[in-house]
C-alpha cells in the first residue's frame, strides 16, 4: 500500500490545469494501474443489473462502482478548482471523455510538435549515437498513448 500512496503523490504535485492534460492523464493511468483500477478509464459504468442477478454479477457490479468512485476521487482531487466544479457530478470514464473533448486540439498540437522533432532529429558529426537514440526514444515515449 505504501507504493500506491507514493504514486498518488504524483497526482498531488501535477494537478490538471488544462495545458498539462497529456502529462496529467499519463500520471493518472500510472496511479490507477498501480491500484488495479486502470480499466475504469477505458470502460463506462455498467448498466444497473436486472432483478434476480447472480451474486457474482452483483459483486462485480458493486466492485466496478466502488472502483469508479475511487478513481473519480483521485481525478477530482488532482484538478484545478474550476475543473473540479465542472466535473464533480461525473464518473471517471465520463470525466476523461469530457476532458479529451476540451483539450484534444491542444494534445493534437503537442503530438504534432513531438512528431516534427522526432522526424527532424539528425545526427551531427562527432555526436554520440547513444545520445541521439536516447533523445529519439524520449520523443517516441511522449507519443505513446
N, C-alpha and C. Protein backbone atom coordinates (compact mmCIF):
# COMPACT_ATOMS: atom_id res chain seq x y z
N UNK A 1 0.83 -1.20 0.00
CA UNK A 1 0.00 0.00 0.00
C UNK A 1 0.86 1.25 0.00
N UNK A 2 2.07 1.17 0.54
CA UNK A 2 2.92 2.36 0.56
C UNK A 2 3.28 2.80 -0.85
N UNK A 3 3.35 1.85 -1.79
CA UNK A 3 3.64 2.21 -3.17
C UNK A 3 2.53 3.08 -3.74
N UNK A 4 1.27 2.69 -3.50
CA UNK A 4 0.16 3.47 -4.03
C UNK A 4 0.10 4.86 -3.41
N UNK A 5 0.44 4.97 -2.14
CA UNK A 5 0.46 6.28 -1.51
C UNK A 5 1.52 7.15 -2.16
N UNK A 6 2.69 6.58 -2.40
CA UNK A 6 3.76 7.33 -3.06
C UNK A 6 3.36 7.72 -4.48
N UNK A 7 2.72 6.81 -5.20
CA UNK A 7 2.31 7.12 -6.56
C UNK A 7 1.18 8.15 -6.59
N UNK A 8 0.30 8.11 -5.61
CA UNK A 8 -0.77 9.12 -5.57
C UNK A 8 -0.19 10.52 -5.39
N UNK A 9 0.99 10.61 -4.80
CA UNK A 9 1.60 11.93 -4.65
C UNK A 9 1.95 12.53 -6.01
N UNK A 10 2.09 11.68 -7.05
CA UNK A 10 2.26 12.19 -8.42
C UNK A 10 1.10 13.11 -8.79
N UNK A 11 -0.09 12.71 -8.39
CA UNK A 11 -1.28 13.48 -8.74
C UNK A 11 -1.36 14.77 -7.93
N UNK A 12 -0.81 14.76 -6.73
CA UNK A 12 -0.82 15.97 -5.90
C UNK A 12 0.12 17.02 -6.47
N UNK A 13 1.25 16.58 -6.99
CA UNK A 13 2.24 17.53 -7.49
C UNK A 13 1.99 17.95 -8.93
N UNK A 14 1.13 17.23 -9.64
CA UNK A 14 0.86 17.54 -11.05
C UNK A 14 -0.64 17.70 -11.28
N UNK A 15 -1.22 18.71 -10.66
CA UNK A 15 -2.66 18.94 -10.80
C UNK A 15 -3.00 19.36 -12.23
N UNK A 16 -4.15 18.91 -12.70
CA UNK A 16 -4.61 19.25 -14.04
C UNK A 16 -5.05 20.71 -14.07
N UNK A 17 -4.44 21.46 -14.97
CA UNK A 17 -4.81 22.86 -15.17
C UNK A 17 -5.33 23.10 -16.58
N UNK A 18 -5.13 22.16 -17.47
CA UNK A 18 -5.55 22.30 -18.86
C UNK A 18 -4.41 22.04 -19.80
N UNK A 19 -3.43 22.95 -19.83
CA UNK A 19 -2.31 22.76 -20.76
C UNK A 19 -1.50 21.49 -20.49
N UNK A 20 -1.58 20.94 -19.30
CA UNK A 20 -0.79 19.76 -18.96
C UNK A 20 -1.63 18.48 -19.02
N UNK A 21 -2.69 18.47 -19.83
CA UNK A 21 -3.61 17.34 -19.87
C UNK A 21 -2.93 16.01 -20.17
N UNK A 22 -2.08 15.97 -21.19
CA UNK A 22 -1.45 14.69 -21.55
C UNK A 22 -0.56 14.16 -20.44
N UNK A 23 0.21 15.03 -19.82
CA UNK A 23 1.06 14.60 -18.71
C UNK A 23 0.21 14.13 -17.53
N UNK A 24 -0.85 14.87 -17.25
CA UNK A 24 -1.75 14.51 -16.15
C UNK A 24 -2.39 13.15 -16.41
N UNK A 25 -2.86 12.92 -17.64
CA UNK A 25 -3.51 11.66 -17.98
C UNK A 25 -2.51 10.50 -17.87
N UNK A 26 -1.29 10.71 -18.30
CA UNK A 26 -0.25 9.68 -18.19
C UNK A 26 -0.01 9.33 -16.72
N UNK A 27 0.12 10.35 -15.88
CA UNK A 27 0.31 10.11 -14.44
C UNK A 27 -0.90 9.41 -13.82
N UNK A 28 -2.08 9.83 -14.24
CA UNK A 28 -3.31 9.21 -13.72
C UNK A 28 -3.34 7.73 -14.06
N UNK A 29 -3.01 7.39 -15.29
CA UNK A 29 -3.00 5.97 -15.70
C UNK A 29 -2.00 5.17 -14.87
N UNK A 30 -0.85 5.76 -14.58
CA UNK A 30 0.15 5.08 -13.76
C UNK A 30 -0.41 4.80 -12.37
N UNK A 31 -1.00 5.81 -11.76
CA UNK A 31 -1.55 5.67 -10.41
C UNK A 31 -2.68 4.64 -10.39
N UNK A 32 -3.60 4.74 -11.33
CA UNK A 32 -4.73 3.81 -11.34
C UNK A 32 -4.28 2.38 -11.62
N UNK A 33 -3.32 2.22 -12.52
CA UNK A 33 -2.80 0.88 -12.80
C UNK A 33 -2.17 0.27 -11.55
N UNK A 34 -1.47 1.09 -10.78
CA UNK A 34 -0.81 0.58 -9.57
C UNK A 34 -1.82 0.10 -8.53
N UNK A 35 -3.04 0.59 -8.63
CA UNK A 35 -4.09 0.21 -7.69
C UNK A 35 -5.13 -0.72 -8.33
N UNK A 36 -4.77 -1.30 -9.49
CA UNK A 36 -5.66 -2.20 -10.24
C UNK A 36 -6.98 -1.54 -10.61
N UNK A 37 -6.91 -0.25 -10.95
CA UNK A 37 -8.11 0.49 -11.34
C UNK A 37 -8.00 1.03 -12.77
N UNK A 38 -6.98 0.62 -13.50
CA UNK A 38 -6.76 1.16 -14.84
C UNK A 38 -7.92 0.96 -15.79
N UNK A 39 -8.66 -0.12 -15.62
CA UNK A 39 -9.78 -0.42 -16.52
C UNK A 39 -10.90 0.62 -16.44
N UNK A 40 -10.97 1.35 -15.35
CA UNK A 40 -12.06 2.30 -15.13
C UNK A 40 -12.10 3.37 -16.21
N UNK A 41 -10.94 3.81 -16.69
CA UNK A 41 -10.90 4.86 -17.70
C UNK A 41 -11.33 4.36 -19.07
N UNK A 42 -11.23 3.07 -19.29
CA UNK A 42 -11.50 2.51 -20.62
C UNK A 42 -12.92 2.00 -20.81
N UNK A 43 -13.63 1.77 -19.73
CA UNK A 43 -14.97 1.20 -19.83
C UNK A 43 -15.97 2.05 -19.06
N UNK A 44 -17.14 2.34 -19.68
CA UNK A 44 -18.16 3.11 -18.96
C UNK A 44 -18.75 2.29 -17.82
N UNK A 45 -19.45 2.98 -16.94
CA UNK A 45 -20.14 2.27 -15.86
C UNK A 45 -21.13 1.27 -16.46
N UNK A 46 -21.23 0.09 -15.88
CA UNK A 46 -22.19 -0.89 -16.40
C UNK A 46 -23.62 -0.45 -16.11
N UNK A 47 -24.53 -0.93 -16.93
CA UNK A 47 -25.95 -0.66 -16.69
C UNK A 47 -26.36 -1.34 -15.39
N UNK A 48 -27.37 -0.80 -14.72
CA UNK A 48 -27.85 -1.46 -13.50
C UNK A 48 -28.26 -2.91 -13.80
N UNK A 49 -28.03 -3.77 -12.84
CA UNK A 49 -28.34 -5.18 -13.02
C UNK A 49 -29.84 -5.42 -12.94
N UNK A 50 -30.33 -6.39 -13.69
CA UNK A 50 -31.75 -6.73 -13.57
C UNK A 50 -32.00 -7.44 -12.24
N UNK A 51 -33.24 -7.42 -11.81
CA UNK A 51 -33.58 -8.12 -10.57
C UNK A 51 -33.29 -9.60 -10.75
N UNK A 52 -32.80 -10.20 -9.70
CA UNK A 52 -32.50 -11.63 -9.75
C UNK A 52 -31.13 -11.95 -10.32
N UNK A 53 -30.28 -10.93 -10.48
CA UNK A 53 -28.93 -11.18 -10.99
C UNK A 53 -28.17 -12.03 -9.97
N UNK A 54 -27.25 -12.82 -10.48
CA UNK A 54 -26.50 -13.72 -9.60
C UNK A 54 -25.64 -12.93 -8.61
N UNK A 55 -25.25 -13.60 -7.54
CA UNK A 55 -24.41 -12.96 -6.53
C UNK A 55 -23.08 -12.51 -7.12
N UNK A 56 -22.52 -13.32 -8.02
CA UNK A 56 -21.25 -12.95 -8.65
C UNK A 56 -21.40 -11.69 -9.49
N UNK A 57 -22.51 -11.60 -10.23
CA UNK A 57 -22.75 -10.41 -11.04
C UNK A 57 -22.93 -9.18 -10.16
N UNK A 58 -23.66 -9.33 -9.06
CA UNK A 58 -23.86 -8.21 -8.14
C UNK A 58 -22.55 -7.78 -7.51
N UNK A 59 -21.73 -8.74 -7.16
CA UNK A 59 -20.43 -8.43 -6.56
C UNK A 59 -19.54 -7.68 -7.56
N UNK A 60 -19.51 -8.15 -8.81
CA UNK A 60 -18.70 -7.50 -9.84
C UNK A 60 -19.22 -6.08 -10.12
N UNK A 61 -20.54 -5.93 -10.13
CA UNK A 61 -21.15 -4.63 -10.37
C UNK A 61 -20.79 -3.65 -9.26
N UNK A 62 -20.91 -4.09 -8.00
CA UNK A 62 -20.56 -3.23 -6.87
C UNK A 62 -19.08 -2.87 -6.88
N UNK A 63 -18.23 -3.83 -7.25
CA UNK A 63 -16.79 -3.57 -7.32
C UNK A 63 -16.49 -2.50 -8.37
N UNK A 64 -17.15 -2.61 -9.53
CA UNK A 64 -16.92 -1.62 -10.58
C UNK A 64 -17.36 -0.23 -10.11
N UNK A 65 -18.50 -0.15 -9.46
CA UNK A 65 -18.97 1.15 -8.95
C UNK A 65 -18.01 1.72 -7.91
N UNK A 66 -17.54 0.87 -7.00
CA UNK A 66 -16.61 1.32 -5.96
C UNK A 66 -15.29 1.77 -6.59
N UNK A 67 -14.76 0.97 -7.53
CA UNK A 67 -13.51 1.33 -8.20
C UNK A 67 -13.66 2.65 -8.96
N UNK A 68 -14.82 2.84 -9.58
CA UNK A 68 -15.06 4.09 -10.30
C UNK A 68 -15.09 5.27 -9.34
N UNK A 69 -15.70 5.09 -8.18
CA UNK A 69 -15.74 6.17 -7.18
C UNK A 69 -14.33 6.53 -6.71
N UNK A 70 -13.50 5.53 -6.47
CA UNK A 70 -12.12 5.79 -6.04
C UNK A 70 -11.37 6.55 -7.12
N UNK A 71 -11.48 6.07 -8.37
CA UNK A 71 -10.78 6.73 -9.48
C UNK A 71 -11.28 8.16 -9.66
N UNK A 72 -12.58 8.36 -9.54
CA UNK A 72 -13.16 9.70 -9.67
C UNK A 72 -12.61 10.63 -8.59
N UNK A 73 -12.52 10.15 -7.38
CA UNK A 73 -11.99 10.98 -6.28
C UNK A 73 -10.53 11.34 -6.52
N UNK A 74 -9.74 10.38 -6.99
CA UNK A 74 -8.34 10.67 -7.30
C UNK A 74 -8.26 11.74 -8.38
N UNK A 75 -9.10 11.60 -9.40
CA UNK A 75 -9.09 12.56 -10.51
C UNK A 75 -9.50 13.95 -10.04
N UNK A 76 -10.60 14.04 -9.32
CA UNK A 76 -11.09 15.34 -8.88
C UNK A 76 -10.10 16.02 -7.93
N UNK A 77 -9.47 15.24 -7.07
CA UNK A 77 -8.51 15.81 -6.13
C UNK A 77 -7.28 16.36 -6.84
N UNK A 78 -7.04 15.91 -8.06
CA UNK A 78 -5.84 16.34 -8.77
C UNK A 78 -6.15 17.33 -9.89
N UNK A 79 -7.26 18.05 -9.76
CA UNK A 79 -7.65 19.06 -10.75
C UNK A 79 -7.68 20.44 -10.11
N UNK A 80 -7.61 21.44 -10.98
CA UNK A 80 -7.80 22.80 -10.50
C UNK A 80 -9.24 22.95 -10.02
N UNK A 81 -9.51 23.90 -9.13
CA UNK A 81 -10.88 24.08 -8.62
C UNK A 81 -11.92 24.30 -9.72
N UNK A 82 -11.55 25.01 -10.77
CA UNK A 82 -12.50 25.26 -11.86
C UNK A 82 -12.90 23.96 -12.54
N UNK A 83 -11.91 23.11 -12.81
CA UNK A 83 -12.20 21.83 -13.46
C UNK A 83 -12.95 20.89 -12.51
N UNK A 84 -12.66 20.97 -11.23
CA UNK A 84 -13.40 20.16 -10.25
C UNK A 84 -14.89 20.49 -10.31
N UNK A 85 -15.21 21.78 -10.34
CA UNK A 85 -16.61 22.20 -10.36
C UNK A 85 -17.31 21.69 -11.61
N UNK A 86 -16.61 21.69 -12.74
CA UNK A 86 -17.21 21.23 -14.00
C UNK A 86 -17.47 19.73 -14.01
N UNK A 87 -16.67 18.97 -13.26
CA UNK A 87 -16.71 17.51 -13.39
C UNK A 87 -17.17 16.77 -12.13
N UNK A 88 -17.53 17.47 -11.08
CA UNK A 88 -17.81 16.80 -9.81
C UNK A 88 -19.02 15.86 -9.85
N UNK A 89 -19.90 16.01 -10.81
CA UNK A 89 -21.07 15.13 -10.87
C UNK A 89 -20.92 14.01 -11.90
N UNK A 90 -19.70 13.84 -12.43
CA UNK A 90 -19.46 12.82 -13.45
C UNK A 90 -18.66 11.66 -12.87
N UNK A 91 -18.76 10.50 -13.55
CA UNK A 91 -17.92 9.36 -13.16
C UNK A 91 -16.59 9.46 -13.91
N UNK A 92 -15.63 8.63 -13.53
CA UNK A 92 -14.26 8.72 -14.05
C UNK A 92 -14.20 8.60 -15.57
N UNK A 93 -14.90 7.63 -16.13
CA UNK A 93 -14.87 7.42 -17.58
C UNK A 93 -15.42 8.64 -18.31
N UNK A 94 -16.51 9.18 -17.82
CA UNK A 94 -17.13 10.36 -18.44
C UNK A 94 -16.23 11.59 -18.31
N UNK A 95 -15.54 11.72 -17.18
CA UNK A 95 -14.61 12.84 -16.99
C UNK A 95 -13.52 12.81 -18.05
N UNK A 96 -12.91 11.65 -18.26
CA UNK A 96 -11.83 11.54 -19.26
C UNK A 96 -12.38 11.85 -20.64
N UNK A 97 -13.56 11.35 -20.96
CA UNK A 97 -14.18 11.63 -22.25
C UNK A 97 -14.37 13.13 -22.43
N UNK A 98 -14.88 13.80 -21.40
CA UNK A 98 -15.12 15.24 -21.47
C UNK A 98 -13.81 16.02 -21.56
N UNK A 99 -12.81 15.62 -20.79
CA UNK A 99 -11.52 16.32 -20.83
C UNK A 99 -10.86 16.17 -22.20
N UNK A 100 -11.02 15.00 -22.81
CA UNK A 100 -10.47 14.82 -24.16
C UNK A 100 -11.13 15.80 -25.13
N UNK A 101 -12.43 15.99 -25.00
CA UNK A 101 -13.12 16.95 -25.85
C UNK A 101 -12.60 18.37 -25.62
N UNK A 102 -12.34 18.71 -24.35
CA UNK A 102 -11.86 20.05 -24.02
C UNK A 102 -10.44 20.30 -24.51
N UNK A 103 -9.57 19.31 -24.34
CA UNK A 103 -8.14 19.53 -24.55
C UNK A 103 -7.55 18.75 -25.72
N UNK A 104 -8.39 18.09 -26.53
CA UNK A 104 -7.87 17.25 -27.61
C UNK A 104 -7.10 18.05 -28.66
N UNK A 105 -7.58 19.24 -28.99
CA UNK A 105 -6.88 20.04 -30.00
C UNK A 105 -5.48 20.39 -29.53
N UNK A 106 -5.37 20.76 -28.28
CA UNK A 106 -4.05 21.07 -27.72
C UNK A 106 -3.18 19.82 -27.72
N UNK A 107 -3.76 18.68 -27.36
CA UNK A 107 -2.99 17.43 -27.34
C UNK A 107 -2.53 17.08 -28.75
N UNK A 108 -3.39 17.31 -29.74
CA UNK A 108 -3.03 17.04 -31.13
C UNK A 108 -1.87 17.93 -31.55
N UNK A 109 -1.89 19.19 -31.15
CA UNK A 109 -0.78 20.10 -31.47
C UNK A 109 0.51 19.64 -30.82
N UNK A 110 0.41 19.17 -29.57
CA UNK A 110 1.60 18.69 -28.87
C UNK A 110 2.15 17.44 -29.56
N UNK A 111 1.27 16.52 -29.98
CA UNK A 111 1.73 15.32 -30.69
C UNK A 111 2.38 15.70 -32.02
N UNK A 112 1.80 16.69 -32.72
CA UNK A 112 2.38 17.13 -33.98
C UNK A 112 3.79 17.68 -33.76
N UNK A 113 3.94 18.53 -32.76
CA UNK A 113 5.25 19.12 -32.48
C UNK A 113 6.27 18.05 -32.09
N UNK A 114 5.85 17.09 -31.29
CA UNK A 114 6.75 16.00 -30.90
C UNK A 114 7.13 15.16 -32.12
N UNK A 115 6.16 14.89 -32.99
CA UNK A 115 6.46 14.14 -34.22
C UNK A 115 7.44 14.91 -35.09
N UNK A 116 7.23 16.21 -35.21
CA UNK A 116 8.13 17.04 -36.00
C UNK A 116 9.55 16.96 -35.46
N UNK A 117 9.68 17.08 -34.14
CA UNK A 117 11.01 16.99 -33.52
C UNK A 117 11.64 15.62 -33.77
N UNK A 118 10.84 14.57 -33.67
CA UNK A 118 11.35 13.22 -33.90
C UNK A 118 11.85 13.06 -35.34
N UNK A 119 11.05 13.49 -36.30
CA UNK A 119 11.39 13.27 -37.71
C UNK A 119 12.49 14.19 -38.21
N UNK A 120 12.74 15.28 -37.52
CA UNK A 120 13.81 16.18 -37.95
C UNK A 120 15.10 16.00 -37.15
N UNK A 121 15.10 15.04 -36.24
CA UNK A 121 16.31 14.78 -35.46
C UNK A 121 17.37 14.17 -36.37
N UNK A 122 18.53 14.78 -36.35
CA UNK A 122 19.64 14.30 -37.19
C UNK A 122 20.88 14.14 -36.32
N UNK A 123 21.69 13.23 -36.74
CA UNK A 123 22.96 13.02 -36.04
C UNK A 123 23.99 13.95 -36.67
N UNK A 124 24.61 14.75 -35.84
CA UNK A 124 25.64 15.66 -36.34
C UNK A 124 27.01 15.00 -36.21
N UNK A 125 27.94 15.40 -37.07
CA UNK A 125 29.29 14.81 -36.99
C UNK A 125 29.88 14.99 -35.60
N UNK A 126 30.41 13.91 -35.07
CA UNK A 126 31.04 13.95 -33.77
C UNK A 126 30.10 13.75 -32.60
N UNK A 127 28.79 13.65 -32.87
CA UNK A 127 27.85 13.45 -31.77
C UNK A 127 27.72 11.95 -31.46
N UNK A 128 27.25 11.67 -30.29
CA UNK A 128 27.12 10.29 -29.82
C UNK A 128 25.84 9.65 -30.36
N UNK A 129 25.99 8.46 -30.92
CA UNK A 129 24.82 7.72 -31.41
C UNK A 129 23.89 7.39 -30.24
N UNK A 130 24.47 7.11 -29.10
CA UNK A 130 23.68 6.79 -27.91
C UNK A 130 22.82 7.99 -27.50
N UNK A 131 23.39 9.18 -27.53
CA UNK A 131 22.65 10.39 -27.16
C UNK A 131 21.48 10.62 -28.10
N UNK A 132 21.69 10.42 -29.40
CA UNK A 132 20.62 10.59 -30.39
C UNK A 132 19.52 9.55 -30.15
N UNK A 133 19.92 8.31 -29.89
CA UNK A 133 18.93 7.26 -29.63
C UNK A 133 18.10 7.58 -28.39
N UNK A 134 18.73 8.05 -27.35
CA UNK A 134 18.01 8.40 -26.12
C UNK A 134 17.04 9.55 -26.39
N UNK A 135 17.50 10.55 -27.14
CA UNK A 135 16.66 11.70 -27.47
C UNK A 135 15.44 11.25 -28.29
N UNK A 136 15.68 10.42 -29.31
CA UNK A 136 14.58 9.95 -30.15
C UNK A 136 13.63 9.05 -29.37
N UNK A 137 14.19 8.23 -28.50
CA UNK A 137 13.35 7.36 -27.67
C UNK A 137 12.44 8.20 -26.76
N UNK A 138 12.96 9.31 -26.25
CA UNK A 138 12.15 10.21 -25.44
C UNK A 138 10.97 10.76 -26.23
N UNK A 139 11.21 11.14 -27.49
CA UNK A 139 10.12 11.63 -28.35
C UNK A 139 9.09 10.53 -28.58
N UNK A 140 9.57 9.32 -28.84
CA UNK A 140 8.66 8.20 -29.10
C UNK A 140 7.81 7.92 -27.86
N UNK A 141 8.41 7.96 -26.69
CA UNK A 141 7.65 7.73 -25.46
C UNK A 141 6.61 8.81 -25.23
N UNK A 142 6.92 10.05 -25.60
CA UNK A 142 5.94 11.13 -25.45
C UNK A 142 4.75 10.93 -26.38
N UNK A 143 4.98 10.25 -27.52
CA UNK A 143 3.90 10.00 -28.47
C UNK A 143 3.03 8.81 -28.07
N UNK A 144 3.54 7.95 -27.21
CA UNK A 144 2.78 6.76 -26.79
C UNK A 144 1.54 7.19 -26.01
N UNK A 145 0.42 6.48 -26.22
CA UNK A 145 -0.81 6.85 -25.50
C UNK A 145 -0.74 6.59 -24.02
